[in-house]
C-alpha atoms as a PDB file:
ATOM      1  CA  UNK A   1     -12.890   6.800 -11.812  1.00  0.00           C
ATOM      2  CA  UNK A   2      -9.621   8.768 -11.925  1.00  0.00           C
ATOM      3  CA  UNK A   3     -10.030   9.788  -8.284  1.00  0.00           C
ATOM      4  CA  UNK A   4     -10.604   6.122  -7.273  1.00  0.00           C
ATOM      5  CA  UNK A   5      -7.472   5.009  -9.148  1.00  0.00           C
ATOM      6  CA  UNK A   6      -5.523   7.863  -7.558  1.00  0.00           C
ATOM      7  CA  UNK A   7      -6.674   6.764  -4.074  1.00  0.00           C
ATOM      8  CA  UNK A   8      -5.842   3.109  -4.816  1.00  0.00           C
ATOM      9  CA  UNK A   9      -2.300   4.016  -5.900  1.00  0.00           C
ATOM     10  CA  UNK A  10      -1.815   6.131  -2.769  1.00  0.00           C
ATOM     11  CA  UNK A  11      -3.034   3.350  -0.473  1.00  0.00           C
ATOM     12  CA  UNK A  12      -0.935   0.717  -2.240  1.00  0.00           C
ATOM     13  CA  UNK A  13       2.223   2.839  -2.015  1.00  0.00           C
ATOM     14  CA  UNK A  14       1.534   3.639   1.627  1.00  0.00           C
ATOM     15  CA  UNK A  15       0.853  -0.024   2.455  1.00  0.00           C
ATOM     16  CA  UNK A  16       4.000  -1.256   0.663  1.00  0.00           C
ATOM     17  CA  UNK A  17       6.147   1.357   2.406  1.00  0.00           C
ATOM     18  CA  UNK A  18       4.624   0.488   5.779  1.00  0.00           C
ATOM     19  CA  UNK A  19       5.176  -3.248   5.219  1.00  0.00           C
ATOM     20  CA  UNK A  20       8.813  -2.683   4.209  1.00  0.00           C
ATOM     21  CA  UNK A  21       9.415  -0.532   7.291  1.00  0.00           C
ATOM     22  CA  UNK A  22       7.701  -3.085   9.538  1.00  0.00           C
ATOM     23  CA  UNK A  23       9.815  -5.961   8.195  1.00  0.00           C
ATOM     24  CA  UNK A  24      13.030  -3.947   8.439  1.00  0.00           C
ATOM     25  CA  UNK A  25      12.204  -2.807  11.964  1.00  0.00           C
ATOM     26  CA  UNK A  26      11.356  -6.364  13.008  1.00  0.00           C
ATOM     27  CA  UNK A  27      14.615  -7.649  11.592  1.00  0.00           C
ATOM     28  CA  UNK A  28      16.592  -4.917  13.354  1.00  0.00           C
ATOM     29  CA  UNK A  29      14.743  -5.564  16.637  1.00  0.00           C
ATOM     30  CA  UNK A  30      16.027  -9.135  16.503  1.00  0.00           C
ATOM     31  CA  UNK A  31      19.609  -7.881  16.887  1.00  0.00           C
ATOM     32  CA  UNK A  32      18.963  -6.916  20.535  1.00  0.00           C
ATOM     33  CA  UNK A  33      19.722  -9.861  22.861  1.00  0.00           C
ATOM     34  CA  UNK A  34      16.749  -9.261  25.160  1.00  0.00           C
ATOM     35  CA  UNK A  35      14.401  -9.221  22.173  1.00  0.00           C
ATOM     36  CA  UNK A  36      16.146 -12.139  20.437  1.00  0.00           C
ATOM     37  CA  UNK A  37      15.520 -14.467  23.413  1.00  0.00           C
ATOM     38  CA  UNK A  38      11.768 -13.904  23.151  1.00  0.00           C
ATOM     39  CA  UNK A  39      11.491 -14.420  19.389  1.00  0.00           C
ATOM     40  CA  UNK A  40      10.037 -17.702  18.048  1.00  0.00           C
ATOM     41  CA  UNK A  41      12.409 -20.498  17.020  1.00  0.00           C
ATOM     42  CA  UNK A  42      11.745 -19.983  13.307  1.00  0.00           C
ATOM     43  CA  UNK A  43      12.896 -16.329  13.456  1.00  0.00           C
ATOM     44  CA  UNK A  44      16.275 -15.901  11.717  1.00  0.00           C
ATOM     45  CA  UNK A  45      19.101 -15.394  14.192  1.00  0.00           C
ATOM     46  CA  UNK A  46      20.687 -12.068  13.366  1.00  0.00           C
ATOM     47  CA  UNK A  47      23.490 -12.129  15.904  1.00  0.00           C
ATOM     48  CA  UNK A  48      24.938  -9.241  17.885  1.00  0.00           C
ATOM     49  CA  UNK A  49      26.700  -7.343  15.076  1.00  0.00           C
ATOM     50  CA  UNK A  50      24.427  -8.369  12.234  1.00  0.00           C
ATOM     51  CA  UNK A  51      24.504  -6.593   8.902  1.00  0.00           C
ATOM     52  CA  UNK A  52      22.395  -7.059   5.801  1.00  0.00           C
ATOM     53  CA  UNK A  53      25.414  -8.138   3.739  1.00  0.00           C
ATOM     54  CA  UNK A  54      28.714  -9.400   5.104  1.00  0.00           C
ATOM     55  CA  UNK A  55      31.698  -7.317   3.930  1.00  0.00           C
ATOM     56  CA  UNK A  56      33.158 -10.284   2.026  1.00  0.00           C
ATOM     57  CA  UNK A  57      29.879 -11.007   0.245  1.00  0.00           C
ATOM     58  CA  UNK A  58      29.442  -7.313  -0.583  1.00  0.00           C
ATOM     59  CA  UNK A  59      32.953  -7.143  -2.091  1.00  0.00           C
ATOM     60  CA  UNK A  60      32.176 -10.267  -4.138  1.00  0.00           C
ATOM     61  CA  UNK A  61      28.961  -8.719  -5.456  1.00  0.00           C
ATOM     62  CA  UNK A  62      30.720  -5.457  -6.316  1.00  0.00           C
ATOM     63  CA  UNK A  63      33.243  -7.375  -8.393  1.00  0.00           C
ATOM     64  CA  UNK A  64      30.397  -8.724 -10.552  1.00  0.00           C
ATOM     65  CA  UNK A  65      29.729  -6.603 -13.648  1.00  0.00           C
ATOM     66  CA  UNK A  66      25.968  -6.392 -13.161  1.00  0.00           C
ATOM     67  CA  UNK A  67      25.825  -5.404  -9.469  1.00  0.00           C
ATOM     68  CA  UNK A  68      26.745  -1.702  -9.556  1.00  0.00           C
ATOM     69  CA  UNK A  69      24.632  -0.768 -12.630  1.00  0.00           C
ATOM     70  CA  UNK A  70      21.668  -2.711 -11.233  1.00  0.00           C
ATOM     71  CA  UNK A  71      21.808  -1.046  -7.815  1.00  0.00           C
ATOM     72  CA  UNK A  72      22.313   2.392  -9.393  1.00  0.00           C
ATOM     73  CA  UNK A  73      19.460   1.943 -11.902  1.00  0.00           C
ATOM     74  CA  UNK A  74      17.128   0.645  -9.168  1.00  0.00           C
ATOM     75  CA  UNK A  75      17.930   3.592  -6.886  1.00  0.00           C
ATOM     76  CA  UNK A  76      17.420   6.111  -9.708  1.00  0.00           C
ATOM     77  CA  UNK A  77      14.202   4.416 -10.828  1.00  0.00           C
ATOM     78  CA  UNK A  78      12.765   4.435  -7.307  1.00  0.00           C
ATOM     79  CA  UNK A  79      13.782   8.072  -6.792  1.00  0.00           C
ATOM     80  CA  UNK A  80      12.091   9.124 -10.058  1.00  0.00           C
ATOM     81  CA  UNK A  81       9.001   7.044  -9.266  1.00  0.00           C
ATOM     82  CA  UNK A  82       8.569   8.560  -5.809  1.00  0.00           C
ATOM     83  CA  UNK A  83       9.327  12.071  -7.122  1.00  0.00           C
ATOM     84  CA  UNK A  84       6.588  11.712  -9.768  1.00  0.00           C
ATOM     85  CA  UNK A  85       4.206  10.339  -7.160  1.00  0.00           C
ATOM     86  CA  UNK A  86       4.971  13.229  -4.790  1.00  0.00           C
ATOM     87  CA  UNK A  87       4.484  15.810  -7.577  1.00  0.00           C
ATOM     88  CA  UNK A  88       1.163  14.168  -8.396  1.00  0.00           C
ATOM     89  CA  UNK A  89       0.031  14.779  -4.831  1.00  0.00           C
ATOM     90  CA  UNK A  90       0.634  18.527  -4.926  1.00  0.00           C
ATOM     91  CA  UNK A  91      -0.798  19.077  -8.399  1.00  0.00           C
ATOM     92  CA  UNK A  92      -3.917  21.254  -8.226  1.00  0.00           C
ATOM     93  CA  UNK A  93      -7.140  19.374  -8.718  1.00  0.00           C
ATOM     94  CA  UNK A  94      -8.633  22.083 -10.956  1.00  0.00           C
ATOM     95  CA  UNK A  95      -7.201  20.424 -14.089  1.00  0.00           C
ATOM     96  CA  UNK A  96      -9.675  17.562 -13.954  1.00  0.00           C
ATOM     97  CA  UNK A  97     -12.862  17.663 -15.959  1.00  0.00           C
ATOM     98  CA  UNK A  98     -16.400  17.760 -14.624  1.00  0.00           C
ATOM     99  CA  UNK A  99     -19.122  15.788 -16.392  1.00  0.00           C
ATOM    100  CA  UNK A 100     -22.130  17.729 -17.653  1.00  0.00           C
ATOM    101  CA  UNK A 101     -25.661  16.356 -18.238  1.00  0.00           C
ATOM    102  CA  UNK A 102     -25.221  16.017 -22.015  1.00  0.00           C
ATOM    103  CA  UNK A 103     -23.504  12.747 -22.996  1.00  0.00           C
ATOM    104  CA  UNK A 104     -19.777  13.169 -23.562  1.00  0.00           C
ATOM    105  CA  UNK A 105     -19.725  16.817 -22.434  1.00  0.00           C
ATOM    106  CA  UNK A 106     -17.225  17.940 -19.821  1.00  0.00           C
ATOM    107  CA  UNK A 107     -15.880  21.242 -18.538  1.00  0.00           C
ATOM    108  CA  UNK A 108     -12.748  22.131 -16.630  1.00  0.00           C
ATOM    109  CA  UNK A 109     -13.318  24.052 -13.377  1.00  0.00           C
ATOM    110  CA  UNK A 110     -10.663  26.530 -14.496  1.00  0.00           C
ATOM    111  CA  UNK A 111     -12.553  27.238 -17.743  1.00  0.00           C
ATOM    112  CA  UNK A 112     -15.727  27.846 -15.753  1.00  0.00           C
ATOM    113  CA  UNK A 113     -13.804  30.227 -13.455  1.00  0.00           C
ATOM    114  CA  UNK A 114     -12.378  32.114 -16.456  1.00  0.00           C
ATOM    115  CA  UNK A 115     -15.850  32.493 -17.963  1.00  0.00           C
ATOM    116  CA  UNK A 116     -17.212  33.694 -14.624  1.00  0.00           C
ATOM    117  CA  UNK A 117     -14.379  36.228 -14.374  1.00  0.00           C
ATOM    118  CA  UNK A 118     -15.002  37.527 -17.904  1.00  0.00           C
ATOM    119  CA  UNK A 119     -18.747  37.904 -17.322  1.00  0.00           C
ATOM    120  CA  UNK A 120     -18.231  39.701 -13.994  1.00  0.00           C
ATOM    121  CA  UNK A 121     -15.594  42.014 -15.530  1.00  0.00           C
ATOM    122  CA  UNK A 122     -18.187  43.136 -18.093  1.00  0.00           C
ATOM    123  CA  UNK A 123     -20.519  44.475 -15.392  1.00  0.00           C
ATOM    124  CA  UNK A 124     -20.416  48.325 -15.320  1.00  0.00           C
ATOM    125  CA  UNK A 125     -18.716  49.623 -12.176  1.00  0.00           C
ATOM    126  CA  UNK A 126     -16.452  46.584 -11.724  1.00  0.00           C
ATOM    127  CA  UNK A 127     -12.724  47.340 -11.831  1.00  0.00           C
ATOM    128  CA  UNK A 128     -11.474  43.738 -11.789  1.00  0.00           C
ATOM    129  CA  UNK A 129     -12.474  40.278 -10.601  1.00  0.00           C
ATOM    130  CA  UNK A 130     -10.968  36.967  -9.621  1.00  0.00           C
ATOM    131  CA  UNK A 131     -12.945  33.706  -9.587  1.00  0.00           C
ATOM    132  CA  UNK A 132     -12.198  30.194  -8.346  1.00  0.00           C
ATOM    133  CA  UNK A 133     -14.248  27.049  -8.883  1.00  0.00           C
ATOM    134  CA  UNK A 134     -13.425  24.180  -6.528  1.00  0.00           C
ATOM    135  CA  UNK A 135     -15.001  20.742  -7.065  1.00  0.00           C
ATOM    136  CA  UNK A 136     -15.940  18.905  -3.875  1.00  0.00           C
ATOM    137  CA  UNK A 137     -17.161  15.405  -3.143  1.00  0.00           C
ATOM    138  CA  UNK A 138     -20.613  14.334  -4.254  1.00  0.00           C
ATOM    139  CA  UNK A 139     -21.251  16.665  -7.198  1.00  0.00           C
ATOM    140  CA  UNK A 140     -20.750  19.846  -5.181  1.00  0.00           C
ATOM    141  CA  UNK A 141     -18.936  22.984  -6.296  1.00  0.00           C
ATOM    142  CA  UNK A 142     -17.665  25.949  -4.366  1.00  0.00           C
ATOM    143  CA  UNK A 143     -17.491  29.133  -6.411  1.00  0.00           C
ATOM    144  CA  UNK A 144     -15.606  32.086  -5.011  1.00  0.00           C
ATOM    145  CA  UNK A 145     -15.938  35.440  -6.767  1.00  0.00           C
ATOM    146  CA  UNK A 146     -13.830  38.356  -5.574  1.00  0.00           C
ATOM    147  CA  UNK A 147     -14.860  41.692  -7.086  1.00  0.00           C
ATOM    148  CA  UNK A 148     -13.095  45.058  -6.834  1.00  0.00           C
ATOM    149  CA  UNK A 149     -15.402  47.966  -7.596  1.00  0.00           C
ATOM    150  CA  UNK A 150     -14.473  51.179  -9.363  1.00  0.00           C
ATOM    151  CA  UNK A 151     -13.978  54.160  -7.039  1.00  0.00           C
ATOM    152  CA  UNK A 152     -17.280  55.815  -6.083  1.00  0.00           C
ATOM    153  CA  UNK A 153     -19.317  52.773  -7.223  1.00  0.00           C
ATOM    154  CA  UNK A 154     -21.958  51.629  -4.779  1.00  0.00           C
ATOM    155  CA  UNK A 155     -22.229  47.876  -4.073  1.00  0.00           C
ATOM    156  CA  UNK A 156     -26.027  48.194  -4.463  1.00  0.00           C
ATOM    157  CA  UNK A 157     -25.508  49.329  -8.063  1.00  0.00           C
ATOM    158  CA  UNK A 158     -23.607  46.201  -9.156  1.00  0.00           C
ATOM    159  CA  UNK A 159     -25.037  43.521  -6.856  1.00  0.00           C
ATOM    160  CA  UNK A 160     -28.086  42.604  -9.007  1.00  0.00           C
ATOM    161  CA  UNK A 161     -25.924  42.190 -12.109  1.00  0.00           C
ATOM    162  CA  UNK A 162     -23.364  40.106 -10.182  1.00  0.00           C
ATOM    163  CA  UNK A 163     -26.154  37.915  -8.794  1.00  0.00           C
ATOM    164  CA  UNK A 164     -27.343  37.318 -12.358  1.00  0.00           C
ATOM    165  CA  UNK A 165     -23.798  36.372 -13.415  1.00  0.00           C
ATOM    166  CA  UNK A 166     -23.389  33.894 -10.552  1.00  0.00           C
ATOM    167  CA  UNK A 167     -26.867  32.445 -11.240  1.00  0.00           C
ATOM    168  CA  UNK A 168     -25.845  31.919 -14.870  1.00  0.00           C
ATOM    169  CA  UNK A 169     -22.643  30.158 -13.747  1.00  0.00           C
ATOM    170  CA  UNK A 170     -24.602  27.974 -11.330  1.00  0.00           C
ATOM    171  CA  UNK A 171     -26.970  27.021 -14.151  1.00  0.00           C
ATOM    172  CA  UNK A 172     -24.024  26.179 -16.419  1.00  0.00           C
ATOM    173  CA  UNK A 173     -22.559  23.927 -13.716  1.00  0.00           C
ATOM    174  CA  UNK A 174     -25.745  21.817 -13.367  1.00  0.00           C
ATOM    175  CA  UNK A 175     -26.088  18.982 -12.230  1.00  0.00           C
ATOM    176  CA  UNK A 176     -23.581  20.149  -9.619  1.00  0.00           C
ATOM    177  CA  UNK A 177     -24.894  21.771  -6.467  1.00  0.00           C
ATOM    178  CA  UNK A 178     -23.056  25.052  -6.065  1.00  0.00           C
ATOM    179  CA  UNK A 179     -22.239  27.178  -3.064  1.00  0.00           C
ATOM    180  CA  UNK A 180     -21.256  30.656  -4.235  1.00  0.00           C
ATOM    181  CA  UNK A 181     -19.410  33.195  -2.125  1.00  0.00           C
ATOM    182  CA  UNK A 182     -19.241  36.768  -3.408  1.00  0.00           C
ATOM    183  CA  UNK A 183     -16.820  39.248  -1.871  1.00  0.00           C
ATOM    184  CA  UNK A 184     -16.901  42.939  -2.794  1.00  0.00           C
ATOM    185  CA  UNK A 185     -14.034  45.357  -2.241  1.00  0.00           C
ATOM    186  CA  UNK A 186     -13.429  48.939  -3.274  1.00  0.00           C
ATOM    187  CA  UNK A 187     -10.570  49.664  -5.646  1.00  0.00           C
ATOM    188  CA  UNK A 188      -7.859  51.913  -4.271  1.00  0.00           C
ATOM    189  CA  UNK A 189      -8.178  55.712  -4.754  1.00  0.00           C
ATOM    190  CA  UNK A 190      -4.427  56.179  -4.513  1.00  0.00           C
ATOM    191  CA  UNK A 191      -2.655  57.740  -7.464  1.00  0.00           C
ATOM    192  CA  UNK A 192       0.486  56.023  -8.739  1.00  0.00           C
ATOM    193  CA  UNK A 193       3.734  57.235  -7.188  1.00  0.00           C
ATOM    194  CA  UNK A 194       6.325  58.925  -9.374  1.00  0.00           C
ATOM    195  CA  UNK A 195       9.975  58.868  -8.383  1.00  0.00           C
END
């Protein structure tokens, strides 16, 4: 529902911007003499040096007490509106909630990733982990688990326990279909440098 509303707002804003640009471009195209001759009779005649507001009319409007505050407030309002809209586009999607089979139960993908990280960190031989849970279309999840092993720890020694942890996370994410990617790396043997 939230995703549908988000898409509707995006399409409406894009359509309104496109319509405004189309109308402005059409009006400006009418200022060219070769184009103006081919326009229909009902098209407003813009003339050779046409402007949106004549200088005299603009000076008259500026002398009115309401003109300047109205134009300023409109410009600021539109700038804030488009800034909020743009920030909403780059916001990570992991903050949304995923519905679970029990009525009224939801979970955030980030909370699921934190639980997966904590469970994987508890496996003996694991130095540290990082997990990401990414919701996809159609009740699908992508789980990425990056594991750094302690020095001299064999991947075969920790792999069964890590498989059990990811299976538990996949079960907790039901009814979502999950695709889990596990990446193992060895922790560095280097000693810290002293200066």
